[in-house]
Amino acid sequence: MFFNGSIEPEFMPARHPIMLEASIKATYGPHCLSYVLITPARNEQEFIGKTLESMARQSYPPLKWVIVDDGSTDATAKIVQNYVNRYPWIEVISRPARKERNFAGKVTSFNVGLERIKELPFDLIGNLDADISFGPDHFEFLIRKFQEDSSLGVGGTAYTQDGWDSMRDSFEGESSVHGACQLFRRQCFQDIGGYCPNPAGGIDWIAVTTARMKGWKTRNYPERRFHHYRTMGTAQRSEVGAMFDYGKKDYFLGGSPLWEVFRVCYRMTKKPVLFGGLALLAGYCSAAIKHSKRPVSPELMRFHRQEQMRKLRSIAMSLLRVGKLEKYSHAG
């Protein structure tokens, strides 16, 4: 390990970024990678305290963490301000409320934070959702991985949610980095052009897949976990409704019909049994019938389908060879 353990709030008394960087380098060494985080947050009073507390306990703090309060009408801003007053590397930006709630709005808020930190001398940049928690060495661990592998463009970890574990219960695999906590090498983030402001979602997937298409390594490390508190896709929908939306997203992100059949069959075995898979299929077919506009380029769609076919072949070979499926190894 190349870091020195936990820090106290008094570690960096000044807010000026040059002084913050100097303090980090003096404590952790001149060659350590510095990182910044951006968190778009809207009405997150239920869980944001857990995220704030997780960051406050990090063994290696960021150069800057910008929380963009995206027009919250609850106590989100007040909760954040309590930590801003104690930790000089946390900053909050307040934006006016907007009527619509979609993923394009989230990217807009992220870019507001990006504008605030773009002149800082950071090596890595991350998106951090406001409804997760993680251990005190989470970012120390990830930064070590970036330091060990210069080809690593996007890094993250496995995650849990209501008894569900991404290592055990999904086919996301080793190359999939969940959008709730994504860390990018700065050059990689520039190469992909940042996040795509697609109103229907898939912004994290587009970013990670584009990074691979451009030759960067993307990696989800199973040695660590973060916990995701809000059920994915259910901010304003039921679980079945969320699965319908996921099916539509599978179509407009260019997913192969053959892969979708496989995914639907698998999803039918999970709660809500049968109905989740049927909703997924209905969403995909609905989008296909309507010829929904795809926000991805033909090049990215071809790359995506090639990856899916490789996954299917790997899954089939695993089942034939050993009679069981190692999801992490064969779905990445």
Foldseek 3Di string as FASTA:
>chain_A
DQADFWDFLVQQVDLDLVSLVVSLCVRRNVPFFAEEEEEEDAQLVVALLQVLVQQNLASRHHSAYEYEYAQHPDCVVVSQVVVVVRHSRYHYHYDHHDDDDFQLSVQVSRVVVCVVCVPHPGFKYKYAYSHKHWHRHQVVVVSVVCVVDVLAFKEEAWEDEPNDTCQPQHLCAFQHHDRNIMMGGPVLCVVLVHFDSDRLDPRSVSSSLVSVVVPGGGGYHHPTYMYGYDDPQVPPHDLLQSLLSQLLVCQLQQHDPVLLVVVLVSCCPDPVHNSSSVSSPNSVVVCVVVVPHHPDDPSSNVSNHVLSVQLVVQQVVCCVPPNDDSSRHRRD
